[in-house]
């Protein structure tokens, strides 16, 4: 058979990170590559108990088809929880999704036409680029620094008329891949640009609860509520295997996103939603998330200390995240991170080259490190091996 692929299928590409993860499965590899939460944080016992209660008390409904919008008590919990982001939303603005990645897919289907412009940070989340690309947009990178997207460059690139950008996609908290966080002053400036120009914001916040010492500033969506879609996830605070996320949309946009959800998978698994609602109902998350923060802070500090020690004099620079799962490294000018990865893997350590995270003008001399799944001993060993690979590449 000769299958004729749709043009959009031709534009789909494999995840660079998923391909690298295959390499890290080799015995003896210390991986700083994956964006996986630490399995040490998974609340297995709480999930087991909740699963038993759901099956015992509500098993027939939990195993049946359900409303596309999502399980009502879970939607209510999300709306209440978002008050801490400065957002005042009703449960009927919440759509439970099969992971927040599905939220990106739904947004792409509803808001992007072939050839339409969208704006993204420099660099940005690879998974978002993968979700947007099949809809054939023109993705435009907006100048960014250690505080996130530059407000004035954003204003300059909004455009007008038929050429106006459909939206700007932003991760203000502990961004993937860089780990940077947008401070209050920058959030206010970016939100004002969006309000002034009528530019919709797609705000992705899977890491916002993972702060180390201080919670980040209120969300962008709280400042531009009728012009924002907010994406959240239970993957980083409970478990990614549940594939449970949510989006919050203005009431004018919500029906179309719901229709796209219905066409995609009818609804997010009923059982998973009810189990999570059962886990959350007694304030469990307020007790559980601080243990994740403490672990990740310890691992981040260990990686930063190892970088300070092992990379001294090698001409690298890196940021110092205040939360999340990642940090961003700038290699010496002219060094290629893809070529370095091959040498690093041979020494037993892996990372993600930064190349894949750029919509335009990719930087070959950047890389992402994840610090949450490695032990302190593995971090120390891995950083020493990476430093040796860098020395041999100079």
Protein backbone atom coordinates (compact mmCIF):
# COMPACT_ATOMS: atom_id res chain seq x y z
CA UNK A 1 0.00 0.00 0.00
CA UNK A 2 1.09 3.56 -0.72
CA UNK A 3 -0.36 5.74 2.00
CA UNK A 4 -0.91 9.38 1.06
CA UNK A 5 -0.12 11.50 4.10
CA UNK A 6 -1.82 14.79 4.86
CA UNK A 7 0.40 17.84 4.58
CA UNK A 8 0.11 18.37 8.33
CA UNK A 9 1.46 14.87 8.96
CA UNK A 10 4.55 15.74 6.93
CA UNK A 11 5.25 18.52 9.41
CA UNK A 12 5.16 16.28 12.45
CA UNK A 13 8.56 15.46 13.95
CA UNK A 14 9.66 13.06 16.67
CA UNK A 15 10.36 14.52 20.09
CA UNK A 16 14.11 15.09 20.43
CA UNK A 17 13.77 14.50 24.15
CA UNK A 18 11.94 11.19 23.69
CA UNK A 19 14.67 10.03 21.33
CA UNK A 20 17.37 11.00 23.81
CA UNK A 21 15.52 9.16 26.57
CA UNK A 22 16.02 5.95 24.60
CA UNK A 23 19.77 6.52 24.94
CA UNK A 24 19.49 7.15 28.67
CA UNK A 25 17.89 3.75 29.18
CA UNK A 26 21.29 2.19 28.56
CA UNK A 27 22.80 0.74 31.75
CA UNK A 28 25.06 3.12 33.62
CA UNK A 29 23.86 6.38 32.04
CA UNK A 30 23.22 9.26 34.45
CA UNK A 31 20.47 11.27 32.83
CA UNK A 32 19.86 14.98 33.25
CA UNK A 33 17.81 14.87 30.03
CA UNK A 34 14.23 13.96 30.84
CA UNK A 35 11.58 16.34 32.10
CA UNK A 36 10.22 13.59 34.32
CA UNK A 37 9.16 14.29 37.91
CA UNK A 38 10.97 12.28 40.56
CA UNK A 39 9.12 9.01 41.25
CA UNK A 40 10.07 9.53 44.91
CA UNK A 41 7.32 12.17 44.99
CA UNK A 42 4.49 9.94 43.75
CA UNK A 43 1.83 9.53 46.51
CA UNK A 44 1.35 5.83 45.90
CA UNK A 45 -0.38 5.00 49.18
CA UNK A 46 -2.80 7.93 48.90
CA UNK A 47 -3.62 6.86 45.34
CA UNK A 48 -4.17 3.24 46.41
CA UNK A 49 -6.56 4.24 49.19
CA UNK A 50 -8.43 6.69 46.95
CA UNK A 51 -8.75 4.08 44.19
CA UNK A 52 -10.28 1.60 46.61
CA UNK A 53 -12.78 4.17 47.91
CA UNK A 54 -13.80 5.24 44.40
CA UNK A 55 -14.37 1.66 43.26
CA UNK A 56 -16.23 0.77 46.44
CA UNK A 57 -18.45 3.85 46.67
CA UNK A 58 -18.82 4.99 43.05
CA UNK A 59 -17.42 2.23 40.87
CA UNK A 60 -20.12 2.13 38.23
CA UNK A 61 -19.90 5.85 37.50
CA UNK A 62 -16.09 5.82 37.66
CA UNK A 63 -15.94 3.15 34.95
CA UNK A 64 -18.61 4.68 32.70
CA UNK A 65 -18.49 7.33 29.99
CA UNK A 66 -18.72 10.83 31.44
CA UNK A 67 -19.19 14.50 30.60
CA UNK A 68 -16.62 15.98 28.24
CA UNK A 69 -16.16 19.01 30.50
CA UNK A 70 -14.81 16.84 33.31
CA UNK A 71 -15.82 15.61 36.76
CA UNK A 72 -17.66 18.44 38.51
CA UNK A 73 -15.95 18.18 41.95
CA UNK A 74 -12.54 18.24 40.27
CA UNK A 75 -13.47 21.30 38.20
CA UNK A 76 -14.66 22.98 41.39
CA UNK A 77 -11.37 22.16 43.12
CA UNK A 78 -9.39 23.69 40.23
CA UNK A 79 -11.44 26.90 40.27
CA UNK A 80 -10.92 27.23 44.04
CA UNK A 81 -7.19 26.44 43.81
CA UNK A 82 -6.65 29.12 41.16
CA UNK A 83 -7.51 31.82 43.68
CA UNK A 84 -3.87 31.56 44.78
CA UNK A 85 -2.88 32.60 41.22
CA UNK A 86 -5.04 35.70 41.59
CA UNK A 87 -7.67 34.19 39.28
CA UNK A 88 -11.41 34.40 39.93
CA UNK A 89 -12.95 31.79 37.62
CA UNK A 90 -16.07 29.65 37.76
CA UNK A 91 -15.98 25.85 37.44
CA UNK A 92 -17.80 26.10 34.11
CA UNK A 93 -14.69 27.76 32.66
CA UNK A 94 -12.58 24.69 33.57
CA UNK A 95 -12.07 21.88 31.05
CA UNK A 96 -10.33 18.74 32.33
CA UNK A 97 -7.85 17.53 29.72
CA UNK A 98 -5.81 14.39 29.15
CA UNK A 99 -2.64 16.05 30.37
CA UNK A 100 -1.91 19.73 29.79
CA UNK A 101 -0.30 18.67 26.50
CA UNK A 102 -3.81 18.03 25.21
CA UNK A 103 -4.66 21.60 26.16
CA UNK A 104 -1.96 22.79 23.77
CA UNK A 105 -3.37 20.57 21.03
CA UNK A 106 -6.89 21.92 21.54
CA UNK A 107 -5.66 25.51 21.47
CA UNK A 108 -3.77 24.84 18.26
CA UNK A 109 -6.82 23.33 16.56
CA UNK A 110 -9.12 26.19 17.57
CA UNK A 111 -6.85 29.22 17.11
CA UNK A 112 -4.33 28.46 14.34
CA UNK A 113 -4.89 28.55 10.59
CA UNK A 114 -2.23 27.66 8.06
CA UNK A 115 0.04 30.65 7.68
CA UNK A 116 -1.19 32.51 10.75
CA UNK A 117 1.41 34.04 13.06
CA UNK A 118 1.93 32.93 16.63
CA UNK A 119 4.47 34.34 19.09
CA UNK A 120 6.68 32.31 21.42
CA UNK A 121 9.50 32.92 23.86
CA UNK A 122 13.16 32.41 23.00
CA UNK A 123 13.64 29.52 23.70
CA UNK A 124 10.29 27.83 24.36
CA UNK A 125 8.77 24.48 25.31
CA UNK A 126 9.41 21.83 22.66
CA UNK A 127 6.09 20.10 23.29
CA UNK A 128 4.21 23.29 22.46
CA UNK A 129 6.06 23.64 19.17
CA UNK A 130 5.14 20.03 18.40
CA UNK A 131 1.47 20.71 19.15
CA UNK A 132 1.35 23.92 17.10
CA UNK A 133 3.39 22.84 14.06
CA UNK A 134 0.84 20.51 12.40
CA UNK A 135 -1.58 23.45 12.14
CA UNK A 136 1.06 25.13 9.96
CA UNK A 137 1.54 28.48 11.69
CA UNK A 138 4.40 30.91 11.26
CA UNK A 139 6.02 30.76 14.71
CA UNK A 140 7.84 33.99 15.57
CA UNK A 141 10.36 34.12 18.41
CA UNK A 142 10.12 37.14 20.71
CA UNK A 143 13.28 38.44 22.30
CA UNK A 144 13.73 37.09 25.83
CA UNK A 145 16.18 37.44 28.70
CA UNK A 146 16.65 35.98 32.17
CA UNK A 147 13.27 37.49 33.19
CA UNK A 148 11.29 36.05 30.29
CA UNK A 149 9.84 37.59 27.18
CA UNK A 150 10.73 41.22 26.40
CA UNK A 151 7.61 43.39 26.52
CA UNK A 152 8.74 45.95 23.96
CA UNK A 153 9.80 43.31 21.42
CA UNK A 154 6.47 41.60 22.05
CA UNK A 155 4.64 44.84 21.24
CA UNK A 156 6.70 45.26 18.08
CA UNK A 157 5.86 41.77 16.84
CA UNK A 158 2.11 41.66 17.53
CA UNK A 159 1.31 42.93 14.03
CA UNK A 160 -2.04 44.17 12.78
CA UNK A 161 -4.90 43.27 10.47
CA UNK A 162 -4.65 39.90 8.75
CA UNK A 163 -1.03 39.67 9.89
CA UNK A 164 -1.82 40.09 13.58
CA UNK A 165 -0.53 37.29 15.79
CA UNK A 166 -3.20 34.86 16.95
CA UNK A 167 -1.66 34.58 20.43
CA UNK A 168 1.54 34.60 22.45
CA UNK A 169 2.48 31.39 24.24
CA UNK A 170 4.23 31.92 27.59
CA UNK A 171 5.51 29.91 30.56
CA UNK A 172 6.09 32.53 33.26
CA UNK A 173 6.98 30.14 36.12
CA UNK A 174 10.21 28.08 36.14
CA UNK A 175 10.06 27.84 32.37
CA UNK A 176 10.82 24.70 30.42
CA UNK A 177 13.57 24.65 29.16
CA UNK A 178 15.38 27.50 30.93
CA UNK A 179 14.01 27.39 34.47
CA UNK A 180 13.65 31.19 34.46
CA UNK A 181 10.77 32.98 36.18
CA UNK A 182 9.03 36.18 35.12
CA UNK A 183 9.07 38.76 37.94
CA UNK A 184 6.13 40.99 38.86
CA UNK A 185 7.32 44.05 36.93
CA UNK A 186 7.78 42.04 33.71
CA UNK A 187 4.39 40.33 34.11
CA UNK A 188 2.70 43.69 34.46
CA UNK A 189 4.44 45.01 31.35
CA UNK A 190 3.66 41.92 29.25
CA UNK A 191 0.02 41.89 30.34
CA UNK A 192 -0.29 45.57 29.46
CA UNK A 193 1.01 44.91 25.95
CA UNK A 194 -1.58 42.17 25.55
CA UNK A 195 -4.37 44.42 26.80
CA UNK A 196 -3.30 47.38 24.65
CA UNK A 197 -3.02 45.31 21.47
CA UNK A 198 -5.81 42.80 22.06
CA UNK A 199 -3.28 39.96 21.93
CA UNK A 200 -4.49 36.68 23.46
CA UNK A 201 -2.19 34.95 25.95
CA UNK A 202 -1.80 31.19 26.24
CA UNK A 203 -0.33 30.77 29.73
CA UNK A 204 1.18 27.37 30.48
CA UNK A 205 1.87 26.73 34.17
CA UNK A 206 2.75 23.10 34.91
CA UNK A 207 5.55 24.01 37.33
CA UNK A 208 4.07 26.94 39.29
CA UNK A 209 3.64 25.03 42.57
CA UNK A 210 7.27 23.88 42.58
CA UNK A 211 8.78 27.04 44.10
CA UNK A 212 11.60 26.64 46.59
CA UNK A 213 11.36 29.58 49.00
CA UNK A 214 8.75 31.99 47.65
CA UNK A 215 5.68 31.60 45.47
CA UNK A 216 5.85 33.37 42.08
CA UNK A 217 3.85 36.49 41.31
CA UNK A 218 0.16 36.20 40.30
CA UNK A 219 -0.58 34.74 36.89
CA UNK A 220 -0.72 36.63 33.62
CA UNK A 221 -4.26 35.32 33.17
CA UNK A 222 -5.39 37.13 36.32
CA UNK A 223 -4.39 40.41 34.64
CA UNK A 224 -6.01 39.68 31.25
CA UNK A 225 -8.85 37.25 32.10
CA UNK A 226 -10.97 37.69 28.98
CA UNK A 227 -7.91 37.42 26.75
CA UNK A 228 -6.16 34.39 28.26
CA UNK A 229 -6.27 30.61 28.21
CA UNK A 230 -4.59 29.11 31.26
CA UNK A 231 -3.16 25.57 31.24
CA UNK A 232 -2.42 23.56 34.38
CA UNK A 233 -1.40 20.00 35.22
CA UNK A 234 -1.50 17.36 37.96
CA UNK A 235 1.56 15.66 36.45
CA UNK A 236 4.14 17.54 38.49
CA UNK A 237 2.31 17.61 41.83
CA UNK A 238 0.79 14.10 41.82
CA UNK A 239 1.88 11.78 38.98
CA UNK A 240 2.33 12.14 35.21
CA UNK A 241 1.00 8.65 34.50
CA UNK A 242 -2.51 9.86 35.37
CA UNK A 243 -2.44 12.08 32.24
CA UNK A 244 -4.58 14.67 33.98
CA UNK A 245 -4.49 18.39 33.26
CA UNK A 246 -6.90 21.26 32.75
CA UNK A 247 -7.45 24.47 30.90
CA UNK A 248 -9.35 27.58 31.90
CA UNK A 249 -10.86 29.66 29.11
CA UNK A 250 -13.07 32.73 28.76
CA UNK A 251 -16.73 31.75 28.36
CA UNK A 252 -16.73 33.08 24.78
CA UNK A 253 -13.99 30.62 23.74
CA UNK A 254 -14.81 27.64 25.95
CA UNK A 255 -17.48 26.00 23.73
CA UNK A 256 -15.12 25.60 20.77
CA UNK A 257 -12.39 24.12 22.95
CA UNK A 258 -14.97 21.73 24.37
CA UNK A 259 -16.02 20.66 20.86
CA UNK A 260 -12.38 20.00 19.98
CA UNK A 261 -12.04 17.92 23.15
CA UNK A 262 -15.14 15.89 22.26
CA UNK A 263 -13.73 15.16 18.82
CA UNK A 264 -10.34 14.16 20.27
CA UNK A 265 -11.27 11.66 22.99
CA UNK A 266 -14.84 12.28 24.24
CA UNK A 267 -13.57 12.88 27.79
CA UNK A 268 -10.60 12.44 30.09
CA UNK A 269 -10.70 9.06 31.91
CA UNK A 270 -13.49 9.11 34.51
CA UNK A 271 -11.69 6.84 36.95
CA UNK A 272 -8.54 8.96 37.01
CA UNK A 273 -10.53 12.14 37.61
CA UNK A 274 -12.48 10.67 40.50
CA UNK A 275 -9.40 9.20 42.13
CA UNK A 276 -7.60 12.54 41.99
CA UNK A 277 -10.65 14.38 43.31
CA UNK A 278 -10.77 11.89 46.19
CA UNK A 279 -7.08 12.44 46.96
CA UNK A 280 -7.43 16.21 46.87
CA UNK A 281 -10.60 16.66 48.88
CA UNK A 282 -9.07 16.75 52.37
CA UNK A 283 -6.26 19.25 51.71
CA UNK A 284 -3.74 16.56 50.82
CA UNK A 285 -1.99 18.72 48.24
CA UNK A 286 -1.08 21.35 50.85
CA UNK A 287 0.73 18.67 52.82
CA UNK A 288 2.23 16.85 49.85
CA UNK A 289 3.67 19.60 47.61
CA UNK A 290 6.04 21.01 50.28
CA UNK A 291 7.82 17.64 50.33
CA UNK A 292 8.36 17.91 46.56
CA UNK A 293 9.69 21.47 46.91
CA UNK A 294 12.15 20.42 49.61
CA UNK A 295 13.49 17.52 47.54
CA UNK A 296 13.84 19.55 44.34
CA UNK A 297 15.48 22.46 46.15
CA UNK A 298 18.09 20.09 47.60
CA UNK A 299 18.79 18.58 44.18
CA UNK A 300 18.96 21.97 42.47
CA UNK A 301 21.42 23.25 45.06
CA UNK A 302 23.53 20.12 44.58
CA UNK A 303 23.64 20.65 40.81
CA UNK A 304 24.51 24.32 41.13
CA UNK A 305 27.31 23.49 43.57
CA UNK A 306 28.62 20.81 41.22
CA UNK A 307 28.53 23.23 38.28
CA UNK A 308 30.41 25.84 40.32
CA UNK A 309 33.03 23.25 41.25
CA UNK A 310 33.44 21.23 38.05
CA UNK A 311 32.98 23.91 35.39
CA UNK A 312 35.31 26.52 36.88
CA UNK A 313 37.48 28.05 34.16
CA UNK A 314 35.72 26.30 31.27
CA UNK A 315 33.85 29.38 29.99
CA UNK A 316 30.31 28.19 30.71
CA UNK A 317 27.45 30.21 32.22
CA UNK A 318 24.15 29.08 33.72
CA UNK A 319 21.16 30.45 35.59
CA UNK A 320 20.13 29.74 39.19
CA UNK A 321 16.45 28.71 39.24
CA UNK A 322 14.25 29.48 42.24
CA UNK A 323 11.88 26.58 41.52
CA UNK A 324 10.85 24.01 38.96
CA UNK A 325 12.89 21.20 37.43
CA UNK A 326 15.41 22.70 35.00
CA UNK A 327 18.38 24.96 34.53
CA UNK A 328 19.90 26.35 31.33
CA UNK A 329 23.56 26.27 30.35
CA UNK A 330 25.41 28.39 27.80
CA UNK A 331 28.48 26.56 26.48
CA UNK A 332 31.63 28.34 25.32
CA UNK A 333 31.08 30.15 22.04
CA UNK A 334 31.40 27.82 19.07
CA UNK A 335 30.84 24.61 21.01
CA UNK A 336 28.06 22.43 19.60
CA UNK A 337 25.80 20.81 22.21
CA UNK A 338 24.72 18.00 19.87
CA UNK A 339 28.33 16.99 19.27
CA UNK A 340 29.02 17.32 22.99
CA UNK A 341 26.11 14.99 23.81
CA UNK A 342 27.74 12.14 21.91
CA UNK A 343 30.95 12.55 23.92
CA UNK A 344 29.02 12.92 27.18
CA UNK A 345 27.00 9.74 26.64
CA UNK A 346 30.24 7.83 26.10
CA UNK A 347 31.27 9.07 29.55
CA UNK A 348 27.96 7.99 31.06
CA UNK A 349 25.97 11.24 31.26
CA UNK A 350 23.15 12.73 29.13
CA UNK A 351 21.44 16.10 28.70
CA UNK A 352 19.17 17.77 26.13
CA UNK A 353 20.80 20.06 23.52
CA UNK A 354 19.06 23.43 23.41
CA UNK A 355 18.66 23.42 19.64
CA UNK A 356 15.18 21.87 19.67
CA UNK A 357 13.64 24.54 21.89
CA UNK A 358 13.89 27.40 19.38
CA UNK A 359 11.20 28.37 16.89
CA UNK A 360 13.73 30.50 14.96
CA UNK A 361 17.49 31.02 14.90
CA UNK A 362 18.41 28.13 17.23
CA UNK A 363 21.43 28.35 19.47
CA UNK A 364 23.72 25.34 19.06
CA UNK A 365 25.72 26.16 22.18
CA UNK A 366 22.97 25.77 24.81
CA UNK A 367 21.68 22.82 26.77
CA UNK A 368 19.03 21.93 29.34
CA UNK A 369 19.74 20.07 32.56
CA UNK A 370 17.07 18.49 34.75
CA UNK A 371 18.05 18.04 38.38
CA UNK A 372 15.02 16.23 39.85
CA UNK A 373 15.47 12.55 39.01
CA UNK A 374 19.15 12.15 39.92
CA UNK A 375 20.49 11.63 43.42
CA UNK A 376 23.06 14.02 44.85
CA UNK A 377 25.78 11.40 44.28
CA UNK A 378 24.65 10.95 40.67
CA UNK A 379 24.64 14.72 40.18
CA UNK A 380 28.21 14.96 41.44
CA UNK A 381 29.41 12.05 39.30
CA UNK A 382 27.50 13.24 36.22
CA UNK A 383 28.73 16.82 36.42
CA UNK A 384 32.33 15.63 36.70
CA UNK A 385 31.85 13.45 33.60
CA UNK A 386 30.20 16.30 31.69
CA UNK A 387 33.03 18.64 32.62
CA UNK A 388 35.55 16.14 31.27
CA UNK A 389 33.61 15.88 28.00
CA UNK A 390 33.65 19.68 27.73
CA UNK A 391 37.40 19.86 28.37
CA UNK A 392 37.98 17.40 25.57
CA UNK A 393 35.83 19.54 23.25
CA UNK A 394 37.64 22.83 23.87
